Amino acid sequence: MNGFSCFLFVMVLCVRSSDGKLFGENLVQFKNSLNPGKQIKISCTLNKKEQFQLFMDPGETYDYKFHGKYLLKNKMDCQLTQGVLGDVLFRAYEGASGIFDHGKQNFWDVREDGVYFTHGKETPKLEYKWIPKSFISSLF
């Protein structure tokens, strides 16, 4: 095999082993599973640039799809805010760098006790608990 063929072979193996789809879009999904009347605010940045800010009612989901940047290790940082429960600051996505950052899926489910995470194949697990508003305001 010549050098380029070896490179392609290794790239395909890496993408297959990470459950990524070759050159597919990445997906970060948010779901509001809070009790009725508890709206959440979501603010996210991708690679330190603001991408979106939105409000979600209970039962709603939001899908954010994007292609990874070829020269960066892509990182999406988010803040969830819910008036009574508080805030959660977390990294919603961190991909491989370069051409290997494609077709990954991160699912975030916002619940009363915190934020749950799964890649979609396993049962969601509690990743982050709510930080009370009083604690956040004492930091600033």
C-alpha atoms as a PDB file:
ATOM      1  CA  MET A   1       0.000   0.000   0.000  1.00  0.00           C
ATOM      2  CA  ASN A   2       1.195   3.482  -0.712  1.00  0.00           C
ATOM      3  CA  GLY A   3       1.260   6.174   1.994  1.00  0.00           C
ATOM      4  CA  PHE A   4      -2.087   7.748   1.088  1.00  0.00           C
ATOM      5  CA  SER A   5      -3.894   4.384   1.096  1.00  0.00           C
ATOM      6  CA  CYS A   6      -2.451   3.607   4.528  1.00  0.00           C
ATOM      7  CA  PHE A   7      -3.610   7.000   5.787  1.00  0.00           C
ATOM      8  CA  LEU A   8      -7.165   6.414   4.513  1.00  0.00           C
ATOM      9  CA  PHE A   9      -7.251   2.929   6.014  1.00  0.00           C
ATOM     10  CA  VAL A  10      -6.161   4.209   9.442  1.00  0.00           C
ATOM     11  CA  MET A  11      -8.645   7.100   9.252  1.00  0.00           C
ATOM     12  CA  VAL A  12     -11.544   4.747   8.525  1.00  0.00           C
ATOM     13  CA  LEU A  13     -10.519   2.472  11.412  1.00  0.00           C
ATOM     14  CA  CYS A  14     -10.381   5.418  13.818  1.00  0.00           C
ATOM     15  CA  VAL A  15     -13.757   6.751  12.739  1.00  0.00           C
ATOM     16  CA  ARG A  16     -15.359   3.289  12.982  1.00  0.00           C
ATOM     17  CA  SER A  17     -13.895   2.684  16.436  1.00  0.00           C
ATOM     18  CA  SER A  18     -15.277   5.992  17.738  1.00  0.00           C
ATOM     19  CA  ASP A  19     -18.768   5.306  16.359  1.00  0.00           C
ATOM     20  CA  GLY A  20     -18.424   8.394  14.213  1.00  0.00           C
ATOM     21  CA  LYS A  21     -19.766   8.654  10.709  1.00  0.00           C
ATOM     22  CA  LEU A  22     -17.219   9.589   8.096  1.00  0.00           C
ATOM     23  CA  PHE A  23     -17.718  13.315   7.432  1.00  0.00           C
ATOM     24  CA  GLY A  24     -21.161  13.291   9.092  1.00  0.00           C
ATOM     25  CA  GLU A  25     -22.473  16.110  11.236  1.00  0.00           C
ATOM     26  CA  ASN A  26     -21.999  16.042  15.002  1.00  0.00           C
ATOM     27  CA  LEU A  27     -25.152  16.262  17.099  1.00  0.00           C
ATOM     28  CA  VAL A  28     -25.693  17.766  20.533  1.00  0.00           C
ATOM     29  CA  GLN A  29     -29.279  17.328  21.723  1.00  0.00           C
ATOM     30  CA  PHE A  30     -30.910  18.946  24.748  1.00  0.00           C
ATOM     31  CA  LYS A  31     -34.199  17.770  26.252  1.00  0.00           C
ATOM     32  CA  ASN A  32     -36.206  19.522  28.972  1.00  0.00           C
ATOM     33  CA  SER A  33     -37.657  16.784  31.208  1.00  0.00           C
ATOM     34  CA  LEU A  34     -38.470  19.122  34.092  1.00  0.00           C
ATOM     35  CA  ASN A  35     -41.876  19.364  35.716  1.00  0.00           C
ATOM     36  CA  PRO A  36     -44.555  21.516  34.031  1.00  0.00           C
ATOM     37  CA  GLY A  37     -43.903  25.253  34.180  1.00  0.00           C
ATOM     38  CA  LYS A  38     -40.116  24.938  34.575  1.00  0.00           C
ATOM     39  CA  GLN A  39     -38.579  26.545  31.521  1.00  0.00           C
ATOM     40  CA  ILE A  40     -34.798  26.364  31.028  1.00  0.00           C
ATOM     41  CA  LYS A  41     -32.422  28.777  29.365  1.00  0.00           C
ATOM     42  CA  ILE A  42     -29.517  27.279  27.414  1.00  0.00           C
ATOM     43  CA  SER A  43     -26.502  29.326  26.295  1.00  0.00           C
ATOM     44  CA  CYS A  44     -23.686  27.579  24.412  1.00  0.00           C
ATOM     45  CA  THR A  45     -20.391  28.440  22.777  1.00  0.00           C
ATOM     46  CA  LEU A  46     -18.473  26.327  20.278  1.00  0.00           C
ATOM     47  CA  ASN A  47     -14.712  26.903  20.293  1.00  0.00           C
ATOM     48  CA  LYS A  48     -15.268  30.003  22.480  1.00  0.00           C
ATOM     49  CA  LYS A  49     -17.635  31.638  19.962  1.00  0.00           C
ATOM     50  CA  GLU A  50     -21.305  32.122  20.879  1.00  0.00           C
ATOM     51  CA  GLN A  51     -23.473  29.696  18.913  1.00  0.00           C
ATOM     52  CA  PHE A  52     -26.947  29.875  20.410  1.00  0.00           C
ATOM     53  CA  GLN A  53     -29.103  30.937  23.313  1.00  0.00           C
ATOM     54  CA  LEU A  54     -32.643  29.644  23.706  1.00  0.00           C
ATOM     55  CA  PHE A  55     -35.464  28.911  26.104  1.00  0.00           C
ATOM     56  CA  MET A  56     -37.087  25.465  26.299  1.00  0.00           C
ATOM     57  CA  ASP A  57     -40.392  24.451  27.866  1.00  0.00           C
ATOM     58  CA  PRO A  58     -40.859  21.039  29.510  1.00  0.00           C
ATOM     59  CA  GLY A  59     -41.104  18.257  26.928  1.00  0.00           C
ATOM     60  CA  GLU A  60     -39.180  20.161  24.222  1.00  0.00           C
ATOM     61  CA  THR A  61     -35.962  19.021  22.583  1.00  0.00           C
ATOM     62  CA  TYR A  62     -33.385  21.014  20.632  1.00  0.00           C
ATOM     63  CA  ASP A  63     -30.879  19.544  18.177  1.00  0.00           C
ATOM     64  CA  TYR A  64     -27.685  21.416  17.350  1.00  0.00           C
ATOM     65  CA  LYS A  65     -25.797  19.920  14.401  1.00  0.00           C
ATOM     66  CA  PHE A  66     -22.380  20.994  13.178  1.00  0.00           C
ATOM     67  CA  HIS A  67     -19.299  19.873  11.303  1.00  0.00           C
ATOM     68  CA  GLY A  68     -16.056  19.759  13.240  1.00  0.00           C
ATOM     69  CA  LYS A  69     -13.342  22.259  12.400  1.00  0.00           C
ATOM     70  CA  TYR A  70     -10.437  20.541  10.706  1.00  0.00           C
ATOM     71  CA  LEU A  71      -7.593  22.075  12.674  1.00  0.00           C
ATOM     72  CA  LEU A  72      -9.206  22.332  16.104  1.00  0.00           C
ATOM     73  CA  LYS A  73     -10.208  20.071  18.944  1.00  0.00           C
ATOM     74  CA  ASN A  74     -13.845  21.159  19.017  1.00  0.00           C
ATOM     75  CA  LYS A  75     -15.347  22.081  22.404  1.00  0.00           C
ATOM     76  CA  MET A  76     -18.887  23.181  23.214  1.00  0.00           C
ATOM     77  CA  ASP A  77     -19.411  24.776  26.627  1.00  0.00           C
ATOM     78  CA  CYS A  78     -22.925  25.425  27.906  1.00  0.00           C
ATOM     79  CA  GLN A  79     -24.774  27.014  30.781  1.00  0.00           C
ATOM     80  CA  LEU A  80     -28.242  25.819  31.746  1.00  0.00           C
ATOM     81  CA  THR A  81     -30.315  28.107  33.936  1.00  0.00           C
ATOM     82  CA  GLN A  82     -33.571  27.304  35.700  1.00  0.00           C
ATOM     83  CA  GLY A  83     -34.982  29.911  38.079  1.00  0.00           C
ATOM     84  CA  VAL A  84     -35.786  27.708  41.095  1.00  0.00           C
ATOM     85  CA  LEU A  85     -33.215  24.950  40.606  1.00  0.00           C
ATOM     86  CA  GLY A  86     -30.166  27.077  39.738  1.00  0.00           C
ATOM     87  CA  ASP A  87     -27.465  26.678  37.098  1.00  0.00           C
ATOM     88  CA  VAL A  88     -25.309  24.008  35.515  1.00  0.00           C
ATOM     89  CA  LEU A  89     -22.064  24.885  33.722  1.00  0.00           C
ATOM     90  CA  PHE A  90     -20.605  22.044  31.661  1.00  0.00           C
ATOM     91  CA  ARG A  91     -18.809  20.888  28.529  1.00  0.00           C
ATOM     92  CA  ALA A  92     -21.567  19.531  26.280  1.00  0.00           C
ATOM     93  CA  TYR A  93     -19.199  18.323  23.554  1.00  0.00           C
ATOM     94  CA  GLU A  94     -15.503  17.664  23.103  1.00  0.00           C
ATOM     95  CA  GLY A  95     -14.431  16.043  19.872  1.00  0.00           C
ATOM     96  CA  ALA A  96     -11.265  14.707  18.429  1.00  0.00           C
ATOM     97  CA  SER A  97      -9.148  17.148  16.503  1.00  0.00           C
ATOM     98  CA  GLY A  98      -9.055  17.474  12.773  1.00  0.00           C
ATOM     99  CA  ILE A  99     -10.667  15.111  10.314  1.00  0.00           C
ATOM    100  CA  PHE A 100     -11.666  12.602  13.009  1.00  0.00           C
ATOM    101  CA  ASP A 101     -14.329  14.882  14.535  1.00  0.00           C
ATOM    102  CA  HIS A 102     -17.451  13.773  12.640  1.00  0.00           C
ATOM    103  CA  GLY A 103     -20.729  12.007  13.295  1.00  0.00           C
ATOM    104  CA  LYS A 104     -20.652  11.979  17.096  1.00  0.00           C
ATOM    105  CA  GLN A 105     -23.818  12.259  19.171  1.00  0.00           C
ATOM    106  CA  ASN A 106     -24.244  13.684  22.677  1.00  0.00           C
ATOM    107  CA  PHE A 107     -27.670  13.639  24.333  1.00  0.00           C
ATOM    108  CA  TRP A 108     -28.364  15.824  27.406  1.00  0.00           C
ATOM    109  CA  ASP A 109     -31.545  15.365  29.422  1.00  0.00           C
ATOM    110  CA  VAL A 110     -32.385  18.113  31.949  1.00  0.00           C
ATOM    111  CA  ARG A 111     -34.176  16.695  35.006  1.00  0.00           C
ATOM    112  CA  GLU A 112     -35.170  17.837  38.497  1.00  0.00           C
ATOM    113  CA  ASP A 113     -32.026  16.416  40.139  1.00  0.00           C
ATOM    114  CA  GLY A 114     -29.551  17.483  37.436  1.00  0.00           C
ATOM    115  CA  VAL A 115     -28.399  16.920  33.872  1.00  0.00           C
ATOM    116  CA  TYR A 116     -28.115  13.398  32.463  1.00  0.00           C
ATOM    117  CA  PHE A 117     -25.877  12.291  29.586  1.00  0.00           C
ATOM    118  CA  THR A 118     -25.724   9.477  27.032  1.00  0.00           C
ATOM    119  CA  HIS A 119     -24.304   8.867  23.568  1.00  0.00           C
ATOM    120  CA  GLY A 120     -27.654   7.249  22.754  1.00  0.00           C
ATOM    121  CA  LYS A 121     -26.768   3.581  23.183  1.00  0.00           C
ATOM    122  CA  GLU A 122     -26.740   3.347  26.969  1.00  0.00           C
ATOM    123  CA  THR A 123     -29.102   4.507  29.706  1.00  0.00           C
ATOM    124  CA  PRO A 124     -28.537   8.206  30.542  1.00  0.00           C
ATOM    125  CA  LYS A 125     -26.501   8.787  33.712  1.00  0.00           C
ATOM    126  CA  LEU A 126     -26.481  11.791  36.044  1.00  0.00           C
ATOM    127  CA  GLU A 127     -23.459  13.915  35.082  1.00  0.00           C
ATOM    128  CA  TYR A 128     -24.108  17.310  36.709  1.00  0.00           C
ATOM    129  CA  LYS A 129     -26.182  18.473  39.662  1.00  0.00           C
ATOM    130  CA  TRP A 130     -27.775  21.899  39.878  1.00  0.00           C
ATOM    131  CA  ILE A 131     -25.702  24.670  41.472  1.00  0.00           C
ATOM    132  CA  PRO A 132     -27.986  26.828  43.667  1.00  0.00           C
ATOM    133  CA  LYS A 133     -28.379  30.478  42.594  1.00  0.00           C
ATOM    134  CA  SER A 134     -27.133  31.663  46.003  1.00  0.00           C
ATOM    135  CA  PHE A 135     -23.799  29.886  45.418  1.00  0.00           C
ATOM    136  CA  ILE A 136     -23.385  31.339  41.896  1.00  0.00           C
ATOM    137  CA  SER A 137     -24.053  34.919  43.079  1.00  0.00           C
ATOM    138  CA  SER A 138     -21.504  34.545  45.888  1.00  0.00           C
ATOM    139  CA  LEU A 139     -18.815  33.889  43.251  1.00  0.00           C
ATOM    140  CA  PHE A 140     -19.332  37.262  41.563  1.00  0.00           C
END
